[in-house]
N, C-alpha and C. Protein backbone atom coordinates (compact mmCIF):
# COMPACT_ATOMS: atom_id res chain seq x y z
N MET A 1 -12.43 2.33 -8.59
CA MET A 1 -11.62 3.12 -9.21
C MET A 1 -10.17 1.96 -8.89
N LYS A 2 -9.67 2.62 -9.57
CA LYS A 2 -8.11 2.07 -9.53
C LYS A 2 -6.99 3.13 -9.01
N THR A 3 -6.08 2.68 -8.34
CA THR A 3 -5.01 3.68 -8.50
C THR A 3 -3.50 2.92 -8.00
N ARG A 4 -2.79 3.93 -8.33
CA ARG A 4 -1.15 3.22 -8.39
C ARG A 4 -0.50 3.58 -6.90
N ALA A 5 0.12 3.16 -6.55
CA ALA A 5 0.63 3.37 -5.18
C ALA A 5 1.92 2.90 -5.06
N TYR A 6 3.08 3.13 -4.86
CA TYR A 6 4.11 3.43 -4.69
C TYR A 6 4.52 3.61 -3.04
N LEU A 7 4.49 2.67 -2.53
CA LEU A 7 5.17 2.10 -1.03
C LEU A 7 6.25 2.52 -0.94
N THR A 8 6.88 3.05 0.36
CA THR A 8 8.34 2.99 0.70
C THR A 8 8.06 2.65 2.23
N PHE A 9 8.78 1.74 3.14
CA PHE A 9 8.50 0.65 3.74
C PHE A 9 9.72 0.77 5.40
N ASP A 10 9.37 1.31 6.70
CA ASP A 10 10.93 1.18 7.10
C ASP A 10 10.80 -0.22 7.85
N ARG A 11 11.83 -0.46 8.07
CA ARG A 11 12.14 -2.26 9.07
C ARG A 11 11.38 -2.25 10.04
N ALA A 12 10.38 -1.71 10.85
CA ALA A 12 9.15 -2.27 11.60
C ALA A 12 8.28 -2.69 11.09
N SER A 13 7.96 -1.94 9.66
CA SER A 13 6.76 -1.97 9.75
C SER A 13 6.65 -3.84 8.38
N LEU A 14 7.98 -4.11 8.17
CA LEU A 14 8.07 -5.24 7.29
C LEU A 14 7.49 -6.18 8.02
N ASP A 15 7.26 -6.38 9.01
CA ASP A 15 7.20 -7.79 10.05
C ASP A 15 5.28 -7.56 10.07
N GLN A 16 4.67 -6.46 9.51
CA GLN A 16 3.65 -6.68 9.70
C GLN A 16 2.48 -7.02 8.54
N PRO A 17 1.54 -7.61 8.47
CA PRO A 17 0.62 -8.00 7.68
C PRO A 17 -0.03 -6.99 6.92
N ILE A 18 0.08 -6.20 6.65
CA ILE A 18 -0.28 -4.61 6.28
C ILE A 18 -0.49 -4.84 4.88
N LEU A 19 -0.34 -5.69 3.90
CA LEU A 19 -1.50 -5.84 2.21
C LEU A 19 -2.45 -6.53 2.40
N SER A 20 -2.40 -7.16 3.54
CA SER A 20 -3.83 -8.40 3.97
C SER A 20 -4.71 -7.56 4.14
N THR A 21 -4.13 -6.93 5.37
CA THR A 21 -5.29 -5.58 5.89
C THR A 21 -5.77 -5.23 5.40
N LEU A 22 -5.14 -4.46 3.95
CA LEU A 22 -5.91 -3.50 3.23
C LEU A 22 -7.35 -4.50 1.94
N THR A 23 -6.86 -5.67 2.20
CA THR A 23 -8.00 -6.68 1.63
C THR A 23 -9.13 -6.63 2.90
N GLN A 24 -8.52 -7.18 3.97
CA GLN A 24 -10.03 -7.42 4.79
C GLN A 24 -10.16 -6.56 5.22
N LYS A 25 -9.50 -5.04 6.03
CA LYS A 25 -10.27 -4.17 6.81
C LYS A 25 -10.89 -3.28 5.52
N PHE A 26 -10.02 -2.43 4.09
CA PHE A 26 -11.03 -1.84 3.42
C PHE A 26 -11.31 -2.60 1.68
N GLN A 27 -11.47 -3.73 2.41
CA GLN A 27 -12.51 -4.27 1.07
C GLN A 27 -11.32 -3.75 -0.45
N LEU A 28 -10.44 -4.06 -0.24
CA LEU A 28 -9.56 -3.55 -1.83
C LEU A 28 -8.73 -4.94 -1.92
N THR A 29 -8.91 -4.67 -3.20
CA THR A 29 -7.72 -5.86 -4.48
C THR A 29 -7.15 -5.24 -4.56
N PHE A 30 -5.90 -5.93 -4.94
CA PHE A 30 -4.55 -5.36 -4.84
C PHE A 30 -3.81 -6.45 -6.04
N ASN A 31 -2.70 -5.29 -7.02
CA ASN A 31 -1.81 -6.31 -7.94
C ASN A 31 -0.64 -5.58 -7.75
N ILE A 32 0.18 -6.61 -7.31
CA ILE A 32 1.51 -5.86 -6.97
C ILE A 32 2.60 -6.39 -8.92
N PHE A 33 2.83 -4.87 -8.84
CA PHE A 33 3.49 -4.81 -10.33
C PHE A 33 4.74 -4.25 -10.36
N GLY A 34 5.69 -4.11 -8.97
CA GLY A 34 7.60 -4.29 -9.06
C GLY A 34 7.42 -4.23 -7.26
N ALA A 35 8.70 -4.67 -7.29
CA ALA A 35 9.02 -4.67 -5.83
C ALA A 35 10.68 -5.14 -5.36
N THR A 36 11.18 -4.16 -4.33
CA THR A 36 12.08 -4.25 -4.34
C THR A 36 12.29 -4.34 -2.58
N VAL A 37 12.67 -5.48 -1.71
CA VAL A 37 12.59 -5.93 -0.32
C VAL A 37 14.12 -6.35 0.01
N ASN A 38 14.77 -5.55 0.40
CA ASN A 38 15.81 -5.81 1.29
C ASN A 38 16.41 -5.56 2.40
N GLU A 39 17.55 -5.66 2.83
CA GLU A 39 17.72 -4.49 3.64
C GLU A 39 17.74 -3.02 3.29
N ASP A 40 18.59 -2.78 2.46
CA ASP A 40 18.76 -1.31 2.33
C ASP A 40 17.26 -0.44 1.79
N VAL A 41 16.34 -1.18 1.07
CA VAL A 41 15.10 -0.58 0.43
C VAL A 41 14.18 -1.81 0.73
N GLN A 42 13.01 -1.38 1.47
CA GLN A 42 11.60 -2.05 1.23
C GLN A 42 10.83 -1.11 0.51
N PHE A 43 10.46 -1.43 -0.93
CA PHE A 43 9.60 -0.22 -1.71
C PHE A 43 8.59 -1.54 -2.58
N VAL A 44 7.38 -1.45 -2.32
CA VAL A 44 6.37 -1.80 -3.23
C VAL A 44 5.64 -0.94 -4.50
N ALA A 45 5.39 -1.49 -5.37
CA ALA A 45 4.41 -0.69 -6.38
C ALA A 45 3.28 -1.56 -6.34
N LEU A 46 2.01 -0.64 -6.34
CA LEU A 46 0.84 -1.65 -6.15
C LEU A 46 -0.08 -0.84 -7.02
N GLU A 47 -1.20 -1.68 -7.58
CA GLU A 47 -2.52 -0.88 -8.38
C GLU A 47 -3.64 -1.38 -7.35
N LEU A 48 -4.35 -0.74 -6.49
CA LEU A 48 -5.16 -0.68 -5.49
C LEU A 48 -6.12 -0.88 -6.40
N GLU A 49 -7.43 -1.19 -5.90
CA GLU A 49 -8.93 -0.87 -6.70
C GLU A 49 -10.13 -1.41 -5.62
N GLY A 50 -10.96 0.04 -5.54
CA GLY A 50 -11.63 -0.02 -5.28
C GLY A 50 -12.39 1.24 -4.71
N THR A 51 -13.92 1.14 -3.72
CA THR A 51 -14.35 2.30 -3.72
C THR A 51 -13.43 3.59 -3.23
N GLU A 52 -13.45 4.75 -3.86
CA GLU A 52 -13.02 5.68 -3.97
C GLU A 52 -12.73 6.10 -1.98
N ASP A 53 -13.81 6.02 -1.56
CA ASP A 53 -13.43 5.98 0.07
C ASP A 53 -12.82 5.12 1.09
N ARG A 54 -12.84 3.82 0.34
CA ARG A 54 -12.19 2.94 0.92
C ARG A 54 -10.94 3.33 0.39
N LEU A 55 -10.44 3.57 -0.78
CA LEU A 55 -9.04 3.90 -0.98
C LEU A 55 -8.32 4.80 -0.03
N GLU A 56 -9.26 6.13 0.35
CA GLU A 56 -8.66 7.42 0.68
C GLU A 56 -8.62 6.86 2.24
N GLU A 57 -9.46 5.42 3.05
CA GLU A 57 -9.01 5.37 4.24
C GLU A 57 -7.53 4.73 4.12
N ALA A 58 -7.81 3.44 2.88
CA ALA A 58 -6.38 2.62 3.16
C ALA A 58 -5.14 3.71 3.36
N LEU A 59 -5.30 4.70 2.57
CA LEU A 59 -4.19 5.44 2.02
C LEU A 59 -3.44 6.14 3.58
N GLU A 60 -4.66 6.59 4.10
CA GLU A 60 -4.66 7.56 5.23
C GLU A 60 -3.90 6.14 6.46
N TYR A 61 -4.58 4.87 6.40
CA TYR A 61 -3.86 4.00 7.35
C TYR A 61 -2.62 3.68 7.47
N LEU A 62 -2.23 3.64 5.98
CA LEU A 62 -1.05 3.39 5.37
C LEU A 62 -0.06 4.19 5.99
N ARG A 63 -0.47 5.40 5.90
CA ARG A 63 0.64 6.72 6.67
C ARG A 63 0.56 6.70 7.48
N THR A 64 -0.01 5.82 8.53
CA THR A 64 -0.34 6.25 10.04
C THR A 64 1.01 5.41 10.74
N LEU A 65 0.89 4.25 9.95
CA LEU A 65 1.49 3.13 9.76
C LEU A 65 3.66 3.69 9.91
N GLY A 66 3.49 4.71 9.30
CA GLY A 66 4.71 5.26 8.49
C GLY A 66 5.32 4.85 7.26
N VAL A 67 4.11 4.37 6.60
CA VAL A 67 4.42 4.14 5.46
C VAL A 67 4.83 5.52 4.47
N GLN A 68 5.54 5.60 3.38
CA GLN A 68 5.90 6.86 2.57
C GLN A 68 4.89 6.09 1.37
N VAL A 69 4.11 6.67 1.08
CA VAL A 69 2.65 6.80 0.07
C VAL A 69 2.96 8.01 -0.97
N GLU A 70 3.36 7.03 -1.80
CA GLU A 70 3.19 8.31 -3.20
C GLU A 70 1.77 7.99 -4.47
N ILE A 71 1.41 8.36 -4.80
CA ILE A 71 0.29 8.48 -5.70
C ILE A 71 0.78 8.49 -6.99
N ARG A 72 -0.05 7.67 -7.75
CA ARG A 72 -0.39 7.83 -9.23
C ARG A 72 -1.80 7.24 -9.62
N ASP A 73 -2.54 7.49 -10.01
CA ASP A 73 -3.99 7.33 -10.81
C ASP A 73 -3.82 6.75 -11.79
N SER A 74 -4.07 5.15 -12.43
CA SER A 74 -4.15 4.95 -13.60
C SER A 74 -4.70 5.41 -14.42
């Protein structure tokens, strides 16, 4: 299953290896198709791929870290 996720990070989460955790902990692959990261904006657009259960778990994990998640199925 593939899903497009638009992530907005807070400053505190920028120092964490969040995207690599998605691959290791949830066995997802991702493709970054857009990003803006500077002092004012921390935004990443991803296409995530994995099983439906793992995608749901990963998205909930992101939310618990304070990442704003917007989903658009591809």
